[in-house]
């Protein structure tokens, strides 16, 4: 269906739910095409392409709610699913906070945020395969010490998202993504190491070239050769952007309304208080043109917006949907997120740490002894207490220089102390996803063998 027909379909589904006994309802429709190719050692290993169309329905009956989803868009299929949703809702317990947003809060316009690129959708299959091939070849050709490959891949997706509710809101937008990656394997004659590099964008023209992806992946792999553990000690730790982004993900969990209203966050009750170093400002912005976390309205029909979460170290806002906002006595920040089925949760838009002025090289050069973090493994973060412990790999820093690779260690600290111990933020902010961070220097963490 075309976008206009999808909007009409969603509106009809909402109407049928009201006729069936719902006091309120919302319907979402997703139409999506996906492509994925995986190559290894110059041969195509996997090639997948799929197209799907489905819809989800959430109904409310005086505080009772239920949601269903399906892919049968026929009148019979829709009628059956609407009836199922009504029956399920009547069987649930009421929740005073459940419901649609306030009508006055709904989006009244749908701006074009430049989320769609026809070049992604129209790229021939052979060219997609060649992009993956070129990235893997660039990595393999980089050095004789690159002895194998775990492959490379190129993925695309394109689609339309539609939302309609019984308050009269109906809206839709189109979007595309494309990503390229490769994973080379290196050997020093005794041990082998692997690493990767990737890029993901909305527009094909903004994607790093396969040769850049491959050479970066090779360099990252080669620098791990000869890795060894170090003695337990407390030192400054530099988070590369890809790892600082994981730390930002922990911050998101701590400021998500779902964690806060359940009192499952170390940041509960701290709005207006200093929670981090003065140099740290964290922003969530769902309106940045062309970015992966952008969309004109959230999953409840509210306009997305720019929200300063932490400003100069002070916690200013939690990220909220309508439900969590009601639980906390606050207003939604336009961060509702959902799939086809289920009540809306809380999701990030484009969440990022504002960059500083120092280059990564300058930050590393300022450290007499420390640890450049390049890989984290496993899970070891307690959002309730802030306790942090992760298996890690990286490069040891001596006298401002990268000295030798490190492997088989654990870094440990506490998120509260880590945020307050930020000593430098790099200038190298780059969006490779909806969460983004520049290089980050934590003044002291425990590195243990």
Protein backbone atom coordinates (compact mmCIF):
# COMPACT_ATOMS: atom_id res chain seq x y z
CA UNK A 1 0.00 0.00 0.00
CA UNK A 2 1.00 3.59 -0.49
CA UNK A 3 1.49 5.77 2.56
CA UNK A 4 -1.91 7.45 2.21
CA UNK A 5 -3.68 4.07 2.03
CA UNK A 6 -1.79 2.86 5.10
CA UNK A 7 -2.97 5.93 7.01
CA UNK A 8 -6.56 5.22 5.94
CA UNK A 9 -6.19 1.60 7.00
CA UNK A 10 -4.87 2.54 10.48
CA UNK A 11 -7.72 5.02 10.94
CA UNK A 12 -10.28 2.35 10.01
CA UNK A 13 -8.79 -0.12 12.48
CA UNK A 14 -9.10 2.46 15.27
CA UNK A 15 -12.71 3.08 14.29
CA UNK A 16 -13.51 -0.62 14.37
CA UNK A 17 -12.00 -0.90 17.86
CA UNK A 18 -14.23 1.92 19.12
CA UNK A 19 -17.28 0.30 17.52
CA UNK A 20 -16.32 -2.95 19.25
CA UNK A 21 -16.41 -1.40 22.70
CA UNK A 22 -13.02 0.25 23.26
CA UNK A 23 -13.05 3.63 24.98
CA UNK A 24 -9.76 4.54 23.25
CA UNK A 25 -7.48 2.90 20.71
CA UNK A 26 -4.33 3.38 18.65
CA UNK A 27 -3.10 1.49 15.62
CA UNK A 28 0.35 1.35 14.11
CA UNK A 29 1.30 -0.02 10.70
CA UNK A 30 4.78 -0.97 9.54
CA UNK A 31 5.78 -1.68 5.96
CA UNK A 32 9.41 -2.72 5.60
CA UNK A 33 11.88 -4.16 3.09
CA UNK A 34 15.22 -5.53 4.28
CA UNK A 35 18.33 -6.80 2.51
CA UNK A 36 21.43 -8.46 3.92
CA UNK A 37 24.51 -9.94 2.30
CA UNK A 38 27.36 -11.66 4.11
CA UNK A 39 30.67 -12.45 2.42
CA UNK A 40 33.77 -14.30 3.54
CA UNK A 41 37.10 -14.74 1.80
CA UNK A 42 35.72 -13.26 -1.38
CA UNK A 43 32.63 -15.47 -1.61
CA UNK A 44 29.00 -14.75 -0.85
CA UNK A 45 27.96 -16.78 2.21
CA UNK A 46 24.48 -15.43 2.89
CA UNK A 47 22.03 -13.41 0.86
CA UNK A 48 18.64 -12.49 2.30
CA UNK A 49 15.88 -10.17 1.22
CA UNK A 50 12.47 -9.83 2.83
CA UNK A 51 9.42 -7.61 2.72
CA UNK A 52 6.75 -7.52 5.36
CA UNK A 53 3.69 -5.56 6.29
CA UNK A 54 1.96 -5.72 9.63
CA UNK A 55 -0.12 -3.75 12.08
CA UNK A 56 -0.54 -3.50 15.80
CA UNK A 57 -3.54 -2.39 17.82
CA UNK A 58 -3.74 -1.20 21.42
CA UNK A 59 -7.20 -0.83 22.94
CA UNK A 60 -8.21 0.72 26.26
CA UNK A 61 -11.41 0.13 28.17
CA UNK A 62 -11.60 2.36 31.27
CA UNK A 63 -7.98 1.87 32.26
CA UNK A 64 -7.76 -1.74 31.11
CA UNK A 65 -5.57 -2.25 28.09
CA UNK A 66 -4.39 -4.93 25.71
CA UNK A 67 -2.43 -5.03 22.48
CA UNK A 68 -2.32 -7.42 19.54
CA UNK A 69 -0.57 -7.56 16.19
CA UNK A 70 -0.98 -9.33 12.87
CA UNK A 71 -0.01 -9.41 9.22
CA UNK A 72 -3.42 -10.26 7.75
CA UNK A 73 -4.77 -6.92 6.53
CA UNK A 74 -7.94 -8.39 5.06
CA UNK A 75 -11.29 -7.24 6.54
CA UNK A 76 -11.75 -10.66 8.13
CA UNK A 77 -8.26 -10.67 9.62
CA UNK A 78 -8.66 -7.18 11.03
CA UNK A 79 -12.10 -7.95 12.52
CA UNK A 80 -10.76 -11.05 14.24
CA UNK A 81 -7.81 -9.19 15.73
CA UNK A 82 -9.95 -6.28 16.93
CA UNK A 83 -12.28 -8.70 18.69
CA UNK A 84 -9.32 -10.48 20.29
CA UNK A 85 -7.95 -7.19 21.62
CA UNK A 86 -11.31 -6.22 23.16
CA UNK A 87 -11.63 -9.60 24.87
CA UNK A 88 -8.09 -9.41 26.24
CA UNK A 89 -8.54 -5.86 27.52
CA UNK A 90 -11.68 -6.78 29.46
CA UNK A 91 -9.72 -9.55 31.17
CA UNK A 92 -6.92 -7.29 32.44
CA UNK A 93 -6.67 -5.24 35.62
CA UNK A 94 -7.25 -1.47 35.40
CA UNK A 95 -4.37 0.99 35.64
CA UNK A 96 -5.17 4.64 36.29
CA UNK A 97 -2.03 5.78 34.45
CA UNK A 98 -2.74 3.82 31.27
CA UNK A 99 -4.24 5.71 28.37
CA UNK A 100 -3.61 7.86 25.36
CA UNK A 101 -1.81 11.20 25.66
CA UNK A 102 -3.63 14.43 26.40
CA UNK A 103 -5.11 15.67 23.10
CA UNK A 104 -3.40 19.05 23.42
CA UNK A 105 0.00 17.33 23.50
CA UNK A 106 -0.33 15.57 20.13
CA UNK A 107 1.77 16.63 17.16
CA UNK A 108 0.01 19.13 14.91
CA UNK A 109 2.58 19.01 12.10
CA UNK A 110 4.89 16.36 10.69
CA UNK A 111 8.18 17.88 9.54
CA UNK A 112 10.37 16.26 6.91
CA UNK A 113 13.51 15.22 8.80
CA UNK A 114 15.31 13.86 5.71
CA UNK A 115 15.12 10.23 6.87
CA UNK A 116 14.67 8.62 3.44
CA UNK A 117 17.18 8.05 0.64
CA UNK A 118 15.98 6.59 -2.65
CA UNK A 119 19.58 5.59 -3.45
CA UNK A 120 19.42 3.01 -0.64
CA UNK A 121 16.18 1.53 -1.90
CA UNK A 122 17.25 1.47 -5.55
CA UNK A 123 20.79 0.14 -5.15
CA UNK A 124 21.20 -3.00 -7.31
CA UNK A 125 21.92 -6.29 -5.54
CA UNK A 126 25.25 -6.73 -7.32
CA UNK A 127 26.47 -3.35 -6.07
CA UNK A 128 25.45 -4.25 -2.53
CA UNK A 129 27.48 -7.44 -2.78
CA UNK A 130 30.47 -5.54 -4.15
CA UNK A 131 30.42 -3.09 -1.24
CA UNK A 132 30.73 -5.98 1.21
CA UNK A 133 33.42 -7.62 -0.94
CA UNK A 134 35.45 -4.42 -1.16
CA UNK A 135 35.38 -3.84 2.60
CA UNK A 136 36.58 -7.36 3.36
CA UNK A 137 39.27 -7.20 0.64
CA UNK A 138 40.59 -3.87 1.93
CA UNK A 139 41.05 -5.41 5.36
CA UNK A 140 42.72 -8.58 4.04
CA UNK A 141 45.07 -6.61 1.76
CA UNK A 142 46.11 -4.19 4.52
CA UNK A 143 48.86 -6.38 6.01
CA UNK A 144 50.38 -9.85 5.63
CA UNK A 145 49.52 -10.37 9.30
CA UNK A 146 45.83 -10.34 8.40
CA UNK A 147 45.57 -14.10 7.87
CA UNK A 148 41.84 -14.77 7.88
CA UNK A 149 38.44 -13.16 7.97
CA UNK A 150 35.19 -13.58 9.83
CA UNK A 151 33.57 -11.89 6.88
CA UNK A 152 31.96 -8.66 5.87
CA UNK A 153 28.42 -7.54 5.34
CA UNK A 154 26.19 -4.90 3.82
CA UNK A 155 22.62 -4.39 5.02
CA UNK A 156 19.82 -2.06 4.00
CA UNK A 157 16.30 -1.40 5.16
CA UNK A 158 13.54 0.89 3.99
CA UNK A 159 10.02 1.32 5.16
CA UNK A 160 7.05 3.35 6.30
CA UNK A 161 5.69 3.81 9.84
CA UNK A 162 2.10 4.91 10.43
CA UNK A 163 0.28 5.80 13.66
CA UNK A 164 -3.38 6.66 14.20
CA UNK A 165 -5.36 7.00 17.41
CA UNK A 166 -8.89 7.73 18.55
CA UNK A 167 -7.99 11.31 19.47
CA UNK A 168 -7.86 12.14 15.77
CA UNK A 169 -4.12 11.91 15.25
CA UNK A 170 -2.81 10.22 12.12
CA UNK A 171 0.71 10.51 10.78
CA UNK A 172 3.37 8.65 8.85
CA UNK A 173 6.99 8.91 7.73
CA UNK A 174 9.41 6.96 5.55
CA UNK A 175 12.97 6.01 6.40
CA UNK A 176 16.01 4.12 5.16
CA UNK A 177 19.22 2.78 6.68
CA UNK A 178 22.36 1.19 5.27
CA UNK A 179 25.30 -0.39 7.07
CA UNK A 180 28.67 -1.85 6.11
CA UNK A 181 31.09 -3.86 8.26
CA UNK A 182 33.98 -6.32 8.19
CA UNK A 183 35.81 -8.50 10.76
CA UNK A 184 39.44 -9.38 9.92
CA UNK A 185 41.60 -11.89 11.82
CA UNK A 186 45.31 -11.24 12.47
CA UNK A 187 48.15 -13.44 13.71
CA UNK A 188 51.61 -12.79 15.14
CA UNK A 189 52.63 -16.44 14.71
CA UNK A 190 51.53 -17.44 18.19
CA UNK A 191 48.06 -16.04 18.81
CA UNK A 192 45.26 -14.74 16.66
CA UNK A 193 43.11 -11.66 17.27
CA UNK A 194 40.00 -10.28 15.63
CA UNK A 195 38.32 -6.91 15.63
CA UNK A 196 35.88 -5.06 13.41
CA UNK A 197 34.79 -1.75 12.02
CA UNK A 198 31.49 -0.56 10.65
CA UNK A 199 29.36 2.37 9.62
CA UNK A 200 25.60 2.85 9.55
CA UNK A 201 23.75 5.81 8.05
CA UNK A 202 20.40 6.83 6.63
CA UNK A 203 21.98 7.92 3.33
CA UNK A 204 24.22 5.89 1.07
CA UNK A 205 26.33 8.92 0.15
CA UNK A 206 27.23 9.48 3.82
CA UNK A 207 28.45 5.94 4.41
CA UNK A 208 32.20 5.49 4.83
CA UNK A 209 33.83 3.90 1.81
CA UNK A 210 34.48 0.14 1.89
CA UNK A 211 38.21 0.85 1.77
CA UNK A 212 37.99 3.06 4.87
CA UNK A 213 35.93 0.44 6.69
CA UNK A 214 38.37 -2.32 5.77
CA UNK A 215 41.59 -0.46 6.61
CA UNK A 216 40.21 0.76 9.94
CA UNK A 217 39.11 -2.76 10.86
CA UNK A 218 42.58 -4.07 9.98
CA UNK A 219 44.36 -1.43 12.07
CA UNK A 220 42.10 -2.13 15.04
CA UNK A 221 42.83 -5.86 14.74
CA UNK A 222 46.59 -5.53 14.34
CA UNK A 223 46.96 -3.32 17.40
CA UNK A 224 45.65 -6.20 19.56
CA UNK A 225 48.51 -8.56 18.69
CA UNK A 226 50.74 -9.40 21.64
CA UNK A 227 48.13 -8.44 24.21
CA UNK A 228 48.78 -9.28 27.86
CA UNK A 229 47.23 -8.54 31.27
CA UNK A 230 48.53 -5.94 33.71
CA UNK A 231 48.77 -5.87 37.49
CA UNK A 232 45.80 -4.63 39.47
CA UNK A 233 45.92 -0.85 39.90
CA UNK A 234 43.82 2.30 39.74
CA UNK A 235 44.53 4.47 36.71
CA UNK A 236 42.81 6.92 34.36
CA UNK A 237 40.72 5.13 31.73
CA UNK A 238 40.05 6.52 28.25
CA UNK A 239 36.85 5.26 26.61
CA UNK A 240 37.00 5.18 22.81
CA UNK A 241 33.79 6.59 21.24
CA UNK A 242 32.30 3.13 20.60
CA UNK A 243 32.79 2.25 24.28
CA UNK A 244 31.76 5.67 25.61
CA UNK A 245 28.54 5.08 23.69
CA UNK A 246 27.94 1.97 25.82
CA UNK A 247 28.42 4.10 28.91
CA UNK A 248 25.89 6.54 27.49
CA UNK A 249 23.51 3.59 27.14
CA UNK A 250 23.87 3.01 30.88
CA UNK A 251 23.00 6.67 31.48
CA UNK A 252 19.93 6.26 29.28
CA UNK A 253 18.77 3.31 31.37
CA UNK A 254 19.23 5.37 34.52
CA UNK A 255 17.20 8.36 33.23
CA UNK A 256 14.49 6.30 31.51
CA UNK A 257 11.14 6.89 33.13
CA UNK A 258 10.61 3.13 33.26
CA UNK A 259 13.59 2.75 35.61
CA UNK A 260 12.84 5.90 37.58
CA UNK A 261 9.20 5.30 38.49
CA UNK A 262 10.08 1.74 39.55
CA UNK A 263 12.90 3.18 41.69
CA UNK A 264 15.35 1.00 39.80
CA UNK A 265 17.89 3.73 39.03
CA UNK A 266 20.72 5.35 40.94
CA UNK A 267 19.39 8.71 39.67
CA UNK A 268 15.94 8.47 41.32
CA UNK A 269 14.91 11.72 42.99
CA UNK A 270 17.90 13.71 41.76
CA UNK A 271 16.36 16.18 39.32
CA UNK A 272 18.07 19.53 39.78
CA UNK A 273 21.08 17.97 41.51
CA UNK A 274 24.67 17.65 40.34
CA UNK A 275 25.26 14.07 39.22
CA UNK A 276 28.33 14.44 37.00
CA UNK A 277 31.36 16.58 36.29
CA UNK A 278 30.61 20.12 35.14
CA UNK A 279 32.06 19.32 31.71
CA UNK A 280 29.31 16.77 30.95
CA UNK A 281 26.19 17.75 29.01
CA UNK A 282 23.94 14.98 27.69
CA UNK A 283 21.23 15.75 25.14
CA UNK A 284 18.47 13.67 23.59
CA UNK A 285 17.27 15.12 20.29
CA UNK A 286 14.72 13.33 18.13
CA UNK A 287 14.58 16.14 15.56
CA UNK A 288 18.10 16.08 14.08
CA UNK A 289 17.77 15.89 10.27
CA UNK A 290 19.03 12.68 8.73
CA UNK A 291 20.02 10.98 11.99
CA UNK A 292 19.21 7.39 12.87
CA UNK A 293 17.28 8.23 16.03
CA UNK A 294 15.16 10.95 14.45
CA UNK A 295 11.42 10.79 13.76
CA UNK A 296 8.78 13.51 13.49
CA UNK A 297 6.54 12.05 16.21
CA UNK A 298 6.95 9.42 18.88
CA UNK A 299 5.01 6.16 19.21
CA UNK A 300 2.09 7.94 20.89
CA UNK A 301 1.80 10.75 18.35
CA UNK A 302 3.60 13.40 20.41
CA UNK A 303 6.13 15.63 18.67
CA UNK A 304 9.71 14.59 19.25
CA UNK A 305 11.98 17.29 20.64
CA UNK A 306 15.38 18.25 21.99
CA UNK A 307 15.69 17.48 25.70
CA UNK A 308 18.74 18.37 27.78
CA UNK A 309 19.11 15.45 30.18
CA UNK A 310 22.26 16.59 32.00
CA UNK A 311 23.49 20.17 31.67
CA UNK A 312 26.97 20.99 32.96
CA UNK A 313 26.74 18.06 35.34
CA UNK A 314 23.23 18.82 36.66
CA UNK A 315 20.39 16.37 36.01
CA UNK A 316 17.61 18.40 34.36
CA UNK A 317 15.24 15.82 32.84
CA UNK A 318 14.27 12.20 32.77
CA UNK A 319 13.18 10.72 29.43
CA UNK A 320 9.48 9.90 29.52
CA UNK A 321 6.50 8.58 27.64
CA UNK A 322 2.92 9.37 28.70
CA UNK A 323 2.62 6.45 31.13
CA UNK A 324 5.87 7.05 33.02
CA UNK A 325 5.23 10.80 33.05
CA UNK A 326 1.87 10.23 34.76
CA UNK A 327 3.50 7.88 37.26
CA UNK A 328 6.05 10.58 38.14
CA UNK A 329 3.72 13.58 37.99
CA UNK A 330 5.65 15.03 35.04
CA UNK A 331 5.07 15.57 31.31
CA UNK A 332 6.14 13.31 28.47
CA UNK A 333 9.35 14.26 26.69
CA UNK A 334 8.16 12.66 23.43
CA UNK A 335 10.21 9.52 23.95
CA UNK A 336 7.52 6.86 23.58
CA UNK A 337 8.77 3.86 21.63
CA UNK A 338 7.07 0.60 20.65
CA UNK A 339 6.94 -2.26 18.23
CA UNK A 340 3.80 -3.56 16.63
CA UNK A 341 2.65 -5.19 19.86
CA UNK A 342 2.82 -4.03 23.45
CA UNK A 343 2.25 -0.79 25.30
CA UNK A 344 4.67 2.05 24.51
CA UNK A 345 7.99 1.97 26.32
CA UNK A 346 10.68 4.66 26.55
CA UNK A 347 13.31 4.99 23.82
CA UNK A 348 16.11 7.39 23.02
CA UNK A 349 16.03 9.74 20.06
CA UNK A 350 19.56 10.83 19.16
CA UNK A 351 21.17 10.78 22.60
CA UNK A 352 24.69 12.15 22.79
CA UNK A 353 27.35 13.71 24.98
CA UNK A 354 28.22 17.19 23.78
CA UNK A 355 31.82 17.19 22.49
CA UNK A 356 34.71 19.03 24.07
CA UNK A 357 37.62 20.76 22.37
CA UNK A 358 40.49 18.28 22.83
CA UNK A 359 41.42 15.65 20.26
CA UNK A 360 41.77 12.01 21.32
CA UNK A 361 45.52 12.33 20.77
CA UNK A 362 45.69 15.29 23.14
CA UNK A 363 43.74 13.42 25.80
CA UNK A 364 45.98 10.36 25.56
CA UNK A 365 49.07 12.59 25.52
CA UNK A 366 48.08 14.11 28.87
CA UNK A 367 48.20 10.75 30.70
CA UNK A 368 51.40 9.52 32.34
CA UNK A 369 50.01 6.04 33.01
CA UNK A 370 46.56 4.77 32.05
CA UNK A 371 44.37 2.50 29.96
CA UNK A 372 42.78 3.12 26.56
CA UNK A 373 39.63 1.01 26.50
CA UNK A 374 38.89 -0.54 23.10
CA UNK A 375 36.60 -3.51 23.90
CA UNK A 376 34.09 -4.48 26.59
CA UNK A 377 32.68 -7.96 27.12
CA UNK A 378 29.83 -9.34 29.16
CA UNK A 379 27.40 -7.56 31.44
CA UNK A 380 28.26 -6.08 34.79
CA UNK A 381 26.33 -2.85 35.32
CA UNK A 382 23.81 -2.44 38.13
CA UNK A 383 21.62 0.55 37.26
CA UNK A 384 20.04 0.51 40.73
CA UNK A 385 23.30 0.94 42.65
CA UNK A 386 25.57 2.19 39.87
CA UNK A 387 28.10 -0.60 40.44
CA UNK A 388 30.12 -1.17 37.28
CA UNK A 389 32.39 -4.11 36.38
CA UNK A 390 33.17 -5.27 32.83
CA UNK A 391 35.74 -7.54 31.20
CA UNK A 392 37.88 -5.38 28.96
CA UNK A 393 40.66 -5.12 26.40
CA UNK A 394 42.63 -2.11 25.28
CA UNK A 395 46.03 -0.46 25.06
CA UNK A 396 48.24 0.60 27.95
CA UNK A 397 49.34 4.22 28.05
CA UNK A 398 52.81 5.22 29.29
CA UNK A 399 54.12 8.80 29.27
CA UNK A 400 51.36 9.93 26.93
CA UNK A 401 52.06 7.22 24.36
CA UNK A 402 50.24 4.02 23.44
CA UNK A 403 52.60 1.36 24.80
CA UNK A 404 51.27 -2.22 24.47
CA UNK A 405 47.95 -4.04 24.03
CA UNK A 406 46.14 -5.34 27.10
CA UNK A 407 43.76 -8.27 27.35
CA UNK A 408 42.21 -10.39 30.10
CA UNK A 409 41.46 -7.59 32.56
CA UNK A 410 38.40 -6.19 34.31
CA UNK A 411 37.61 -2.54 34.83
CA UNK A 412 35.52 -1.61 37.85
CA UNK A 413 34.00 1.45 39.45
CA UNK A 414 30.66 3.02 40.20
CA UNK A 415 28.65 5.03 37.69
CA UNK A 416 28.06 7.83 40.20
CA UNK A 417 31.81 8.19 40.80
CA UNK A 418 32.67 7.68 37.14
CA UNK A 419 30.37 10.49 35.99
CA UNK A 420 31.80 12.82 38.60
CA UNK A 421 35.35 11.81 37.66
CA UNK A 422 35.13 12.79 33.99
CA UNK A 423 38.28 14.81 33.31
CA UNK A 424 38.10 15.30 29.54
CA UNK A 425 35.65 14.92 26.68
CA UNK A 426 36.96 14.66 23.14
CA UNK A 427 36.05 16.62 20.04
CA UNK A 428 35.40 13.49 17.95
CA UNK A 429 31.61 13.13 18.19
CA UNK A 430 30.30 10.95 15.34
CA UNK A 431 26.83 9.42 15.03
CA UNK A 432 26.97 5.70 14.18
CA UNK A 433 23.61 4.91 15.71
CA UNK A 434 21.07 6.68 17.88
CA UNK A 435 23.56 6.90 20.79
CA UNK A 436 26.79 8.81 20.20
CA UNK A 437 29.70 9.96 22.30
CA UNK A 438 33.16 11.40 21.76
CA UNK A 439 36.25 10.03 23.50
CA UNK A 440 35.85 10.16 27.28
CA UNK A 441 38.48 10.26 30.05
CA UNK A 442 37.51 8.93 33.49
CA UNK A 443 40.01 10.09 36.12
CA UNK A 444 40.37 6.78 37.96
CA UNK A 445 39.05 3.23 37.71
CA UNK A 446 40.33 -0.08 38.97
CA UNK A 447 41.97 -2.26 36.30
CA UNK A 448 42.51 -5.77 37.57
CA UNK A 449 43.94 -8.98 36.11
